[in-house]
Amino acid sequence: MTNETTIKGYLEFHFKEKSKSGKTNIWLVSNLDGYLLGFVKWHPPWRCYSFQPDEKVGTLYEYKCLRDIADFIEEKTKEHKEK
């Protein structure tokens, strides 16, 4: 799983690391220029992956990017629950 990168539209999802528990994964989300937008991490209360914008940068998303993020999260949540 190391060095896994998924490109969807104008976004790149880079595998960063396993969570502290080792049960889930963390991905960095950036635009195609490498600008960090946030992270995809497991959110235990909701029992699914969620996108968490980087608090240090102000970000703006249009519907295509939001759809790409949602598709990635849905795919990874499904994979995790099928284990």
N, C-alpha and C. Protein backbone atom coordinates (compact mmCIF):
# COMPACT_ATOMS: atom_id res chain seq x y z
N MET A 1 0.81 -1.19 0.00
CA MET A 1 0.00 0.00 0.00
C MET A 1 0.86 1.26 0.00
N THR A 2 2.12 1.17 0.35
CA THR A 2 2.96 2.35 0.37
C THR A 2 3.07 2.94 -1.03
N ASN A 3 3.18 4.24 -1.10
CA ASN A 3 3.32 4.98 -2.35
C ASN A 3 2.09 4.89 -3.25
N GLU A 4 0.95 4.49 -2.70
CA GLU A 4 -0.28 4.44 -3.48
C GLU A 4 -0.77 5.87 -3.73
N THR A 5 -1.03 6.18 -4.98
CA THR A 5 -1.59 7.48 -5.35
C THR A 5 -2.76 7.25 -6.29
N THR A 6 -3.86 7.92 -5.99
CA THR A 6 -5.05 7.86 -6.83
C THR A 6 -5.31 9.27 -7.34
N ILE A 7 -5.52 9.40 -8.65
CA ILE A 7 -5.85 10.69 -9.23
C ILE A 7 -7.30 10.66 -9.67
N LYS A 8 -8.06 11.66 -9.23
CA LYS A 8 -9.46 11.82 -9.63
C LYS A 8 -9.64 13.27 -10.02
N GLY A 9 -9.95 13.51 -11.27
CA GLY A 9 -10.12 14.88 -11.74
C GLY A 9 -8.87 15.70 -11.52
N TYR A 10 -8.99 16.76 -10.73
CA TYR A 10 -7.86 17.65 -10.46
C TYR A 10 -7.21 17.38 -9.10
N LEU A 11 -7.53 16.23 -8.50
CA LEU A 11 -7.06 15.92 -7.16
C LEU A 11 -6.19 14.67 -7.14
N GLU A 12 -5.24 14.66 -6.21
CA GLU A 12 -4.42 13.47 -5.97
C GLU A 12 -4.63 13.05 -4.52
N PHE A 13 -4.81 11.75 -4.32
CA PHE A 13 -4.95 11.17 -3.00
C PHE A 13 -3.71 10.30 -2.78
N HIS A 14 -2.84 10.70 -1.86
CA HIS A 14 -1.58 10.01 -1.60
C HIS A 14 -1.69 9.25 -0.28
N PHE A 15 -1.46 7.93 -0.32
CA PHE A 15 -1.43 7.18 0.93
C PHE A 15 -0.32 7.76 1.80
N LYS A 16 -0.66 8.11 3.05
CA LYS A 16 0.33 8.67 3.97
C LYS A 16 0.83 7.61 4.93
N GLU A 17 -0.12 6.99 5.67
CA GLU A 17 0.26 6.03 6.69
C GLU A 17 -0.96 5.32 7.23
N LYS A 18 -0.69 4.29 8.00
CA LYS A 18 -1.74 3.63 8.76
C LYS A 18 -2.07 4.50 9.97
N SER A 19 -3.31 4.40 10.45
CA SER A 19 -3.69 5.11 11.67
C SER A 19 -2.92 4.53 12.86
N LYS A 20 -3.01 5.19 14.00
CA LYS A 20 -2.31 4.70 15.19
C LYS A 20 -2.76 3.30 15.56
N SER A 21 -4.04 3.01 15.35
CA SER A 21 -4.56 1.67 15.67
C SER A 21 -4.11 0.62 14.66
N GLY A 22 -3.73 1.08 13.47
CA GLY A 22 -3.33 0.18 12.41
C GLY A 22 -4.50 -0.42 11.65
N LYS A 23 -5.72 -0.05 12.02
CA LYS A 23 -6.91 -0.62 11.39
C LYS A 23 -7.37 0.15 10.16
N THR A 24 -7.02 1.43 10.06
CA THR A 24 -7.47 2.26 8.95
C THR A 24 -6.28 3.00 8.36
N ASN A 25 -6.52 3.71 7.27
CA ASN A 25 -5.46 4.43 6.55
C ASN A 25 -5.70 5.92 6.57
N ILE A 26 -4.64 6.66 6.26
CA ILE A 26 -4.71 8.11 6.15
C ILE A 26 -4.12 8.50 4.80
N TRP A 27 -4.83 9.36 4.06
CA TRP A 27 -4.36 9.85 2.76
C TRP A 27 -4.23 11.36 2.82
N LEU A 28 -3.23 11.89 2.13
CA LEU A 28 -3.10 13.32 1.90
C LEU A 28 -3.89 13.65 0.63
N VAL A 29 -4.57 14.77 0.62
CA VAL A 29 -5.31 15.20 -0.56
C VAL A 29 -4.68 16.50 -1.04
N SER A 30 -4.27 16.51 -2.31
CA SER A 30 -3.66 17.72 -2.87
C SER A 30 -4.20 17.95 -4.27
N ASN A 31 -3.98 19.17 -4.77
CA ASN A 31 -4.32 19.40 -6.17
C ASN A 31 -3.17 18.87 -7.03
N LEU A 32 -3.32 18.94 -8.32
CA LEU A 32 -2.30 18.38 -9.21
C LEU A 32 -0.98 19.13 -9.16
N ASP A 33 -0.99 20.34 -8.58
CA ASP A 33 0.25 21.11 -8.41
C ASP A 33 0.95 20.77 -7.10
N GLY A 34 0.37 19.85 -6.32
CA GLY A 34 0.99 19.43 -5.07
C GLY A 34 0.59 20.25 -3.86
N TYR A 35 -0.37 21.16 -4.00
CA TYR A 35 -0.82 22.01 -2.90
C TYR A 35 -1.71 21.19 -1.96
N LEU A 36 -1.33 21.05 -0.69
CA LEU A 36 -2.07 20.25 0.28
C LEU A 36 -3.42 20.89 0.58
N LEU A 37 -4.48 20.09 0.44
CA LEU A 37 -5.83 20.56 0.72
C LEU A 37 -6.38 20.01 2.03
N GLY A 38 -5.97 18.79 2.37
CA GLY A 38 -6.47 18.18 3.59
C GLY A 38 -6.14 16.70 3.63
N PHE A 39 -6.94 15.97 4.41
CA PHE A 39 -6.69 14.56 4.66
C PHE A 39 -7.98 13.76 4.56
N VAL A 40 -7.86 12.51 4.19
CA VAL A 40 -8.96 11.57 4.31
C VAL A 40 -8.58 10.61 5.43
N LYS A 41 -9.43 10.57 6.46
CA LYS A 41 -9.18 9.74 7.64
C LYS A 41 -10.48 9.07 8.05
N TRP A 42 -10.36 7.97 8.80
CA TRP A 42 -11.52 7.29 9.35
C TRP A 42 -12.10 8.15 10.47
N HIS A 43 -13.42 8.33 10.46
CA HIS A 43 -14.10 9.10 11.51
C HIS A 43 -14.97 8.12 12.30
N PRO A 44 -14.47 7.65 13.46
CA PRO A 44 -15.16 6.59 14.21
C PRO A 44 -16.64 6.83 14.52
N PRO A 45 -17.04 8.05 14.94
CA PRO A 45 -18.46 8.21 15.26
C PRO A 45 -19.39 7.93 14.06
N TRP A 46 -18.91 8.20 12.86
CA TRP A 46 -19.74 7.99 11.67
C TRP A 46 -19.46 6.64 11.01
N ARG A 47 -18.41 5.93 11.47
CA ARG A 47 -18.01 4.63 10.93
C ARG A 47 -17.77 4.69 9.42
N CYS A 48 -17.04 5.74 9.00
CA CYS A 48 -16.68 5.87 7.58
C CYS A 48 -15.50 6.83 7.46
N TYR A 49 -14.88 6.84 6.28
CA TYR A 49 -13.83 7.81 6.00
C TYR A 49 -14.47 9.17 5.76
N SER A 50 -13.74 10.22 6.12
CA SER A 50 -14.23 11.58 5.89
C SER A 50 -13.07 12.46 5.42
N PHE A 51 -13.41 13.52 4.74
CA PHE A 51 -12.41 14.50 4.30
C PHE A 51 -12.30 15.56 5.37
N GLN A 52 -11.06 15.85 5.79
CA GLN A 52 -10.81 16.85 6.81
C GLN A 52 -9.87 17.90 6.23
N PRO A 53 -10.40 19.08 5.89
CA PRO A 53 -9.55 20.12 5.29
C PRO A 53 -8.40 20.50 6.21
N ASP A 54 -7.27 20.84 5.62
CA ASP A 54 -6.11 21.30 6.39
C ASP A 54 -6.49 22.63 7.04
N GLU A 55 -6.34 22.70 8.35
CA GLU A 55 -6.73 23.90 9.09
C GLU A 55 -5.85 25.11 8.80
N LYS A 56 -4.66 24.88 8.26
CA LYS A 56 -3.71 25.97 8.04
C LYS A 56 -3.98 26.75 6.75
N VAL A 57 -4.76 26.16 5.87
CA VAL A 57 -5.01 26.82 4.59
C VAL A 57 -6.50 26.99 4.36
N GLY A 58 -6.86 28.09 3.75
CA GLY A 58 -8.24 28.28 3.36
C GLY A 58 -8.46 27.58 2.03
N THR A 59 -9.51 26.80 1.93
CA THR A 59 -9.74 26.07 0.69
C THR A 59 -11.13 26.38 0.16
N LEU A 60 -11.27 26.22 -1.14
CA LEU A 60 -12.52 26.47 -1.84
C LEU A 60 -12.72 25.34 -2.82
N TYR A 61 -13.92 24.77 -2.86
CA TYR A 61 -14.19 23.61 -3.70
C TYR A 61 -15.42 23.87 -4.56
N GLU A 62 -15.36 23.41 -5.79
CA GLU A 62 -16.54 23.43 -6.63
C GLU A 62 -17.08 22.01 -6.71
N TYR A 63 -18.24 21.84 -7.33
CA TYR A 63 -18.95 20.56 -7.25
C TYR A 63 -18.16 19.39 -7.82
N LYS A 64 -17.34 19.59 -8.83
CA LYS A 64 -16.58 18.47 -9.41
C LYS A 64 -15.55 17.95 -8.41
N CYS A 65 -14.84 18.85 -7.75
CA CYS A 65 -13.84 18.43 -6.75
C CYS A 65 -14.52 17.76 -5.56
N LEU A 66 -15.64 18.32 -5.12
CA LEU A 66 -16.36 17.71 -4.01
C LEU A 66 -16.85 16.32 -4.37
N ARG A 67 -17.31 16.14 -5.60
CA ARG A 67 -17.76 14.83 -6.07
C ARG A 67 -16.59 13.85 -6.09
N ASP A 68 -15.42 14.31 -6.56
CA ASP A 68 -14.23 13.44 -6.59
C ASP A 68 -13.83 13.02 -5.17
N ILE A 69 -13.88 13.95 -4.23
CA ILE A 69 -13.57 13.63 -2.84
C ILE A 69 -14.60 12.63 -2.31
N ALA A 70 -15.87 12.88 -2.56
CA ALA A 70 -16.93 11.99 -2.08
C ALA A 70 -16.80 10.59 -2.68
N ASP A 71 -16.49 10.51 -3.96
CA ASP A 71 -16.31 9.20 -4.61
C ASP A 71 -15.16 8.43 -3.97
N PHE A 72 -14.04 9.11 -3.71
CA PHE A 72 -12.88 8.46 -3.10
C PHE A 72 -13.23 7.96 -1.71
N ILE A 73 -13.88 8.80 -0.90
CA ILE A 73 -14.26 8.42 0.46
C ILE A 73 -15.20 7.22 0.44
N GLU A 74 -16.19 7.25 -0.44
CA GLU A 74 -17.15 6.15 -0.54
C GLU A 74 -16.44 4.84 -0.92
N GLU A 75 -15.53 4.91 -1.87
CA GLU A 75 -14.78 3.74 -2.32
C GLU A 75 -13.94 3.14 -1.18
N LYS A 76 -13.22 3.99 -0.45
CA LYS A 76 -12.35 3.51 0.62
C LYS A 76 -13.16 3.00 1.81
N THR A 77 -14.30 3.62 2.12
CA THR A 77 -15.16 3.13 3.20
C THR A 77 -15.69 1.74 2.84
N LYS A 78 -16.13 1.57 1.61
CA LYS A 78 -16.64 0.27 1.16
C LYS A 78 -15.55 -0.80 1.26
N GLU A 79 -14.34 -0.49 0.79
CA GLU A 79 -13.23 -1.44 0.87
C GLU A 79 -12.95 -1.84 2.32
N HIS A 80 -12.97 -0.86 3.21
CA HIS A 80 -12.66 -1.13 4.62
C HIS A 80 -13.73 -2.02 5.25
N LYS A 81 -14.98 -1.77 4.96
CA LYS A 81 -16.07 -2.55 5.55
C LYS A 81 -16.17 -3.95 4.97
N GLU A 82 -15.60 -4.19 3.79
CA GLU A 82 -15.63 -5.51 3.18
C GLU A 82 -14.54 -6.43 3.74
N LYS A 83 -13.61 -5.88 4.52
CA LYS A 83 -12.52 -6.69 5.09
C LYS A 83 -13.05 -7.66 6.12
